[in-house]
C-alpha atoms as a PDB file:
ATOM      1  CA  UNK A   1       2.541  -1.736  -4.180  1.00  0.00           C
ATOM      2  CA  UNK A   2       0.514   0.178  -6.620  1.00  0.00           C
ATOM      3  CA  UNK A   3      -1.886   3.132  -5.863  1.00  0.00           C
ATOM      4  CA  UNK A   4      -4.510   3.833  -8.528  1.00  0.00           C
ATOM      5  CA  UNK A   5      -6.676   6.953  -8.468  1.00  0.00           C
ATOM      6  CA  UNK A   6      -9.648   7.625 -10.758  1.00  0.00           C
ATOM      7  CA  UNK A   7     -11.594  10.926 -10.479  1.00  0.00           C
ATOM      8  CA  UNK A   8     -13.617  11.703 -13.547  1.00  0.00           C
ATOM      9  CA  UNK A   9     -11.219  12.044 -16.574  1.00  0.00           C
ATOM     10  CA  UNK A  10      -8.208  12.122 -14.291  1.00  0.00           C
ATOM     11  CA  UNK A  11      -6.502   8.654 -14.007  1.00  0.00           C
ATOM     12  CA  UNK A  12      -3.074   7.869 -12.749  1.00  0.00           C
ATOM     13  CA  UNK A  13      -1.214   5.049 -11.110  1.00  0.00           C
ATOM     14  CA  UNK A  14       1.811   5.281  -8.778  1.00  0.00           C
ATOM     15  CA  UNK A  15       4.123   2.289  -8.108  1.00  0.00           C
ATOM     16  CA  UNK A  16       5.876   2.240  -4.586  1.00  0.00           C
ATOM     17  CA  UNK A  17       8.334  -0.234  -3.391  1.00  0.00           C
ATOM     18  CA  UNK A  18       7.029  -2.297  -0.409  1.00  0.00           C
ATOM     19  CA  UNK A  19      10.011  -1.254   1.671  1.00  0.00           C
ATOM     20  CA  UNK A  20       9.167   2.347   1.273  1.00  0.00           C
ATOM     21  CA  UNK A  21       5.514   1.796   2.237  1.00  0.00           C
ATOM     22  CA  UNK A  22       6.601  -0.148   5.408  1.00  0.00           C
ATOM     23  CA  UNK A  23       9.165   2.464   6.223  1.00  0.00           C
ATOM     24  CA  UNK A  24       6.472   5.231   5.952  1.00  0.00           C
ATOM     25  CA  UNK A  25       4.341   3.222   8.350  1.00  0.00           C
ATOM     26  CA  UNK A  26       7.090   3.078  10.860  1.00  0.00           C
ATOM     27  CA  UNK A  27       7.465   6.912  10.686  1.00  0.00           C
ATOM     28  CA  UNK A  28       3.633   7.598  10.736  1.00  0.00           C
ATOM     29  CA  UNK A  29       3.545   8.304  14.397  1.00  0.00           C
ATOM     30  CA  UNK A  30       5.523  11.303  15.654  1.00  0.00           C
ATOM     31  CA  UNK A  31       6.109   9.834  19.128  1.00  0.00           C
ATOM     32  CA  UNK A  32       7.312   6.320  18.451  1.00  0.00           C
ATOM     33  CA  UNK A  33       7.653   3.869  15.554  1.00  0.00           C
ATOM     34  CA  UNK A  34       4.443   1.860  14.710  1.00  0.00           C
ATOM     35  CA  UNK A  35       6.669  -0.903  13.333  1.00  0.00           C
ATOM     36  CA  UNK A  36      10.153  -1.801  14.623  1.00  0.00           C
ATOM     37  CA  UNK A  37      12.834  -3.022  12.151  1.00  0.00           C
ATOM     38  CA  UNK A  38      12.246  -6.690  12.915  1.00  0.00           C
ATOM     39  CA  UNK A  39       8.475  -6.312  12.384  1.00  0.00           C
ATOM     40  CA  UNK A  40       9.083  -4.489   9.134  1.00  0.00           C
ATOM     41  CA  UNK A  41      11.412  -7.293   7.886  1.00  0.00           C
ATOM     42  CA  UNK A  42       8.838  -9.915   8.882  1.00  0.00           C
ATOM     43  CA  UNK A  43       5.967  -8.042   7.185  1.00  0.00           C
ATOM     44  CA  UNK A  44       8.051  -7.555   4.070  1.00  0.00           C
ATOM     45  CA  UNK A  45       8.657 -11.370   3.776  1.00  0.00           C
ATOM     46  CA  UNK A  46       4.925 -12.124   4.388  1.00  0.00           C
ATOM     47  CA  UNK A  47       3.881  -9.526   1.706  1.00  0.00           C
ATOM     48  CA  UNK A  48       6.365 -10.854  -0.872  1.00  0.00           C
ATOM     49  CA  UNK A  49       5.150 -14.438  -0.308  1.00  0.00           C
ATOM     50  CA  UNK A  50       1.580 -13.307  -0.697  1.00  0.00           C
ATOM     51  CA  UNK A  51       2.467 -11.542  -3.979  1.00  0.00           C
ATOM     52  CA  UNK A  52       4.208 -14.679  -5.306  1.00  0.00           C
ATOM     53  CA  UNK A  53       1.295 -16.859  -4.246  1.00  0.00           C
ATOM     54  CA  UNK A  54      -1.649 -14.665  -5.416  1.00  0.00           C
ATOM     55  CA  UNK A  55      -0.190 -12.354  -7.859  1.00  0.00           C
ATOM     56  CA  UNK A  56      -2.019  -9.023  -7.968  1.00  0.00           C
ATOM     57  CA  UNK A  57      -3.827  -8.680  -4.720  1.00  0.00           C
ATOM     58  CA  UNK A  58      -6.365  -5.809  -4.142  1.00  0.00           C
ATOM     59  CA  UNK A  59      -5.708  -4.497  -0.481  1.00  0.00           C
ATOM     60  CA  UNK A  60      -8.171  -1.507  -0.342  1.00  0.00           C
ATOM     61  CA  UNK A  61     -10.596   0.021  -2.725  1.00  0.00           C
ATOM     62  CA  UNK A  62     -12.517   3.110  -1.709  1.00  0.00           C
ATOM     63  CA  UNK A  63     -15.090   4.992  -3.775  1.00  0.00           C
ATOM     64  CA  UNK A  64     -16.606   8.409  -2.852  1.00  0.00           C
ATOM     65  CA  UNK A  65     -20.158   9.356  -3.453  1.00  0.00           C
ATOM     66  CA  UNK A  66     -19.043  11.565  -6.391  1.00  0.00           C
ATOM     67  CA  UNK A  67     -17.477   8.562  -8.164  1.00  0.00           C
ATOM     68  CA  UNK A  68     -13.815   9.107  -7.337  1.00  0.00           C
ATOM     69  CA  UNK A  69     -12.035   5.765  -6.720  1.00  0.00           C
ATOM     70  CA  UNK A  70      -8.761   4.993  -4.974  1.00  0.00           C
ATOM     71  CA  UNK A  71      -7.138   1.487  -4.945  1.00  0.00           C
ATOM     72  CA  UNK A  72      -4.260  -0.027  -3.179  1.00  0.00           C
ATOM     73  CA  UNK A  73      -2.916  -3.114  -4.883  1.00  0.00           C
ATOM     74  CA  UNK A  74      -0.037  -5.340  -3.828  1.00  0.00           C
END
């Protein structure tokens, strides 16, 4: 997964492995896991297949009123 941030002259891109992103989702809730291990494995298989099928896939693109942009790309 790639995270792109553009704010004026500042531009950077951060690559994160899908496993790390799914693991972070499972730890996001302090009380209990949002995704159990089997669900993470299933989601990882689905996301990898989508990446093979569609190539670069834009998941989320958000732009603020001041022109700052953040994109999450698979």
